[in-house]
Amino acid sequence: MADLGLEDFDEGGGPQMTDDDGGDKAAADLAPVFDVPVNISAVLGKSYMSVSQLLKLGQGSVLELDRKVGEAIDIYVNNRLVARGEVVVVDDRLGVTMTEIIKSEDSGA
């Protein structure tokens, strides 16, 4: 299956792909994979510590992350870096706006 970028989706949200013969593939051809579960993670930052430091953490402890305020967060799908984005608030809930799609050769995977 080909890698899809945002430009490969039409206004209705369906992917526009061509098969090996140059013919168009409809989104219906991909229907068998629409229900495949994926794990999506938005990583604000990381921190490394020893087990003894971890055991000292308690309620109200502050954990310093390796990112600065306003820096893009990493978005992983099935533990693979696919995008970067910004944290947003929507109706009192946190969300993520994707600002950059990472191509597979850039993701370090």
C-alpha atoms as a PDB file:
ATOM      1  CA  MET A   1       0.000   0.000   0.000  1.00  0.00           C
ATOM      2  CA  ALA A   2       1.286   3.477  -0.854  1.00  0.00           C
ATOM      3  CA  ASP A   3       2.076   6.084   1.791  1.00  0.00           C
ATOM      4  CA  LEU A   4      -0.677   8.694   1.927  1.00  0.00           C
ATOM      5  CA  GLY A   5      -0.173  12.387   2.573  1.00  0.00           C
ATOM      6  CA  LEU A   6      -2.809  15.008   3.286  1.00  0.00           C
ATOM      7  CA  GLU A   7      -2.774  15.985  -0.392  1.00  0.00           C
ATOM      8  CA  ASP A   8      -3.973  12.443  -1.269  1.00  0.00           C
ATOM      9  CA  PHE A   9      -7.373  12.992   0.379  1.00  0.00           C
ATOM     10  CA  ASP A  10     -10.244  14.624  -1.440  1.00  0.00           C
ATOM     11  CA  GLU A  11     -12.571  17.181   0.156  1.00  0.00           C
ATOM     12  CA  GLY A  12     -14.810  14.375   1.404  1.00  0.00           C
ATOM     13  CA  GLY A  13     -11.908  12.894   3.368  1.00  0.00           C
ATOM     14  CA  GLY A  14     -11.482   9.795   1.208  1.00  0.00           C
ATOM     15  CA  PRO A  15      -8.072   8.838  -0.141  1.00  0.00           C
ATOM     16  CA  GLN A  16      -7.434   9.248  -3.843  1.00  0.00           C
ATOM     17  CA  MET A  17      -5.085   6.490  -4.985  1.00  0.00           C
ATOM     18  CA  THR A  18      -4.209   4.804  -8.232  1.00  0.00           C
ATOM     19  CA  ASP A  19      -3.482   1.117  -8.733  1.00  0.00           C
ATOM     20  CA  ASP A  20      -0.454  -0.289 -10.589  1.00  0.00           C
ATOM     21  CA  ASP A  21      -2.300   0.004 -13.915  1.00  0.00           C
ATOM     22  CA  GLY A  22      -2.942   3.735 -13.395  1.00  0.00           C
ATOM     23  CA  GLY A  23      -6.661   3.282 -12.623  1.00  0.00           C
ATOM     24  CA  ASP A  24      -8.361   5.024  -9.725  1.00  0.00           C
ATOM     25  CA  LYS A  25      -9.012   3.111  -6.519  1.00  0.00           C
ATOM     26  CA  ALA A  26     -12.080   4.113  -4.561  1.00  0.00           C
ATOM     27  CA  ALA A  27     -12.083   4.459  -0.795  1.00  0.00           C
ATOM     28  CA  ALA A  28     -14.431   1.470  -0.794  1.00  0.00           C
ATOM     29  CA  ASP A  29     -11.477  -0.687  -1.890  1.00  0.00           C
ATOM     30  CA  LEU A  30      -9.829   0.160   1.436  1.00  0.00           C
ATOM     31  CA  ALA A  31     -12.955  -0.613   3.488  1.00  0.00           C
ATOM     32  CA  PRO A  32     -11.490  -3.850   4.961  1.00  0.00           C
ATOM     33  CA  VAL A  33      -8.832  -1.841   6.840  1.00  0.00           C
ATOM     34  CA  PHE A  34     -11.123   0.918   8.166  1.00  0.00           C
ATOM     35  CA  ASP A  35     -11.940  -1.077  11.328  1.00  0.00           C
ATOM     36  CA  VAL A  36      -8.339  -2.099  12.106  1.00  0.00           C
ATOM     37  CA  PRO A  37      -7.486  -0.635  15.522  1.00  0.00           C
ATOM     38  CA  VAL A  38      -4.444   1.615  15.841  1.00  0.00           C
ATOM     39  CA  ASN A  39      -2.755   3.031  18.936  1.00  0.00           C
ATOM     40  CA  ILE A  40      -2.266   6.821  18.743  1.00  0.00           C
ATOM     41  CA  SER A  41      -0.010   8.622  21.243  1.00  0.00           C
ATOM     42  CA  ALA A  42       0.664  12.347  21.592  1.00  0.00           C
ATOM     43  CA  VAL A  43       3.958  12.730  23.471  1.00  0.00           C
ATOM     44  CA  LEU A  44       4.436  16.018  25.319  1.00  0.00           C
ATOM     45  CA  GLY A  45       7.981  15.130  26.302  1.00  0.00           C
ATOM     46  CA  LYS A  46      10.183  12.524  27.935  1.00  0.00           C
ATOM     47  CA  SER A  47      12.171  12.268  31.119  1.00  0.00           C
ATOM     48  CA  TYR A  48      14.767   9.729  32.215  1.00  0.00           C
ATOM     49  CA  MET A  49      15.389   8.793  35.833  1.00  0.00           C
ATOM     50  CA  SER A  50      16.566   5.938  37.995  1.00  0.00           C
ATOM     51  CA  VAL A  51      14.155   3.624  39.784  1.00  0.00           C
ATOM     52  CA  SER A  52      15.101   5.236  43.113  1.00  0.00           C
ATOM     53  CA  GLN A  53      14.130   8.686  41.737  1.00  0.00           C
ATOM     54  CA  LEU A  54      10.869   7.239  40.403  1.00  0.00           C
ATOM     55  CA  LEU A  55       9.998   5.781  43.813  1.00  0.00           C
ATOM     56  CA  LYS A  56      10.460   9.210  45.428  1.00  0.00           C
ATOM     57  CA  LEU A  57       7.733  10.765  43.240  1.00  0.00           C
ATOM     58  CA  GLY A  58       4.451  11.500  44.945  1.00  0.00           C
ATOM     59  CA  GLN A  59       1.348  13.608  44.563  1.00  0.00           C
ATOM     60  CA  GLY A  60       2.378  17.155  43.633  1.00  0.00           C
ATOM     61  CA  SER A  61       5.825  16.135  42.350  1.00  0.00           C
ATOM     62  CA  VAL A  62       7.021  18.052  39.307  1.00  0.00           C
ATOM     63  CA  LEU A  63       8.540  16.025  36.495  1.00  0.00           C
ATOM     64  CA  GLU A  64      10.788  17.993  34.148  1.00  0.00           C
ATOM     65  CA  LEU A  65      10.392  17.020  30.494  1.00  0.00           C
ATOM     66  CA  ASP A  66      12.871  17.380  27.634  1.00  0.00           C
ATOM     67  CA  ARG A  67      10.682  19.925  25.762  1.00  0.00           C
ATOM     68  CA  LYS A  68      10.193  23.651  26.102  1.00  0.00           C
ATOM     69  CA  VAL A  69       6.840  25.449  26.332  1.00  0.00           C
ATOM     70  CA  GLY A  70       5.399  25.966  22.844  1.00  0.00           C
ATOM     71  CA  GLU A  71       7.599  23.293  21.240  1.00  0.00           C
ATOM     72  CA  ALA A  72       5.831  20.830  18.918  1.00  0.00           C
ATOM     73  CA  ILE A  73       4.736  17.492  20.360  1.00  0.00           C
ATOM     74  CA  ASP A  74       5.306  14.140  18.657  1.00  0.00           C
ATOM     75  CA  ILE A  75       2.363  12.097  17.373  1.00  0.00           C
ATOM     76  CA  TYR A  76       2.895   8.343  17.104  1.00  0.00           C
ATOM     77  CA  VAL A  77       0.693   5.738  15.430  1.00  0.00           C
ATOM     78  CA  ASN A  78       1.508   2.190  16.544  1.00  0.00           C
ATOM     79  CA  ASN A  79       4.777   3.455  18.061  1.00  0.00           C
ATOM     80  CA  ARG A  80       5.872   5.056  14.775  1.00  0.00           C
ATOM     81  CA  LEU A  81       6.414   8.808  14.546  1.00  0.00           C
ATOM     82  CA  VAL A  82       4.001  10.116  11.907  1.00  0.00           C
ATOM     83  CA  ALA A  83       3.431  13.787  12.721  1.00  0.00           C
ATOM     84  CA  ARG A  84       4.145  16.754  14.965  1.00  0.00           C
ATOM     85  CA  GLY A  85       1.545  19.080  16.354  1.00  0.00           C
ATOM     86  CA  GLU A  86       0.347  21.561  18.928  1.00  0.00           C
ATOM     87  CA  VAL A  87      -1.836  21.056  21.989  1.00  0.00           C
ATOM     88  CA  VAL A  88      -5.233  22.776  21.717  1.00  0.00           C
ATOM     89  CA  VAL A  89      -8.274  23.063  23.984  1.00  0.00           C
ATOM     90  CA  VAL A  90     -11.655  22.164  22.477  1.00  0.00           C
ATOM     91  CA  ASP A  91     -14.770  22.342  24.682  1.00  0.00           C
ATOM     92  CA  ASP A  92     -12.735  21.979  27.908  1.00  0.00           C
ATOM     93  CA  ARG A  93     -10.862  18.955  26.522  1.00  0.00           C
ATOM     94  CA  LEU A  94      -7.292  18.665  25.305  1.00  0.00           C
ATOM     95  CA  GLY A  95      -6.668  17.904  21.664  1.00  0.00           C
ATOM     96  CA  VAL A  96      -3.848  17.985  19.138  1.00  0.00           C
ATOM     97  CA  THR A  97      -3.616  19.889  15.875  1.00  0.00           C
ATOM     98  CA  MET A  98      -1.226  18.262  13.411  1.00  0.00           C
ATOM     99  CA  THR A  99       1.155  20.850  11.986  1.00  0.00           C
ATOM    100  CA  GLU A 100       3.670  18.605  10.211  1.00  0.00           C
ATOM    101  CA  ILE A 101       3.436  15.148   8.629  1.00  0.00           C
ATOM    102  CA  ILE A 102       6.632  13.108   9.001  1.00  0.00           C
ATOM    103  CA  LYS A 103       7.623  11.048   5.984  1.00  0.00           C
ATOM    104  CA  SER A 104       8.794   7.522   6.779  1.00  0.00           C
ATOM    105  CA  GLU A 105      12.448   8.219   5.909  1.00  0.00           C
ATOM    106  CA  ASP A 106      12.431  11.212   8.362  1.00  0.00           C
ATOM    107  CA  SER A 107      10.880   9.327  11.293  1.00  0.00           C
ATOM    108  CA  GLY A 108      13.996   7.395  12.201  1.00  0.00           C
ATOM    109  CA  ALA A 109      12.121   4.088  12.029  1.00  0.00           C
END
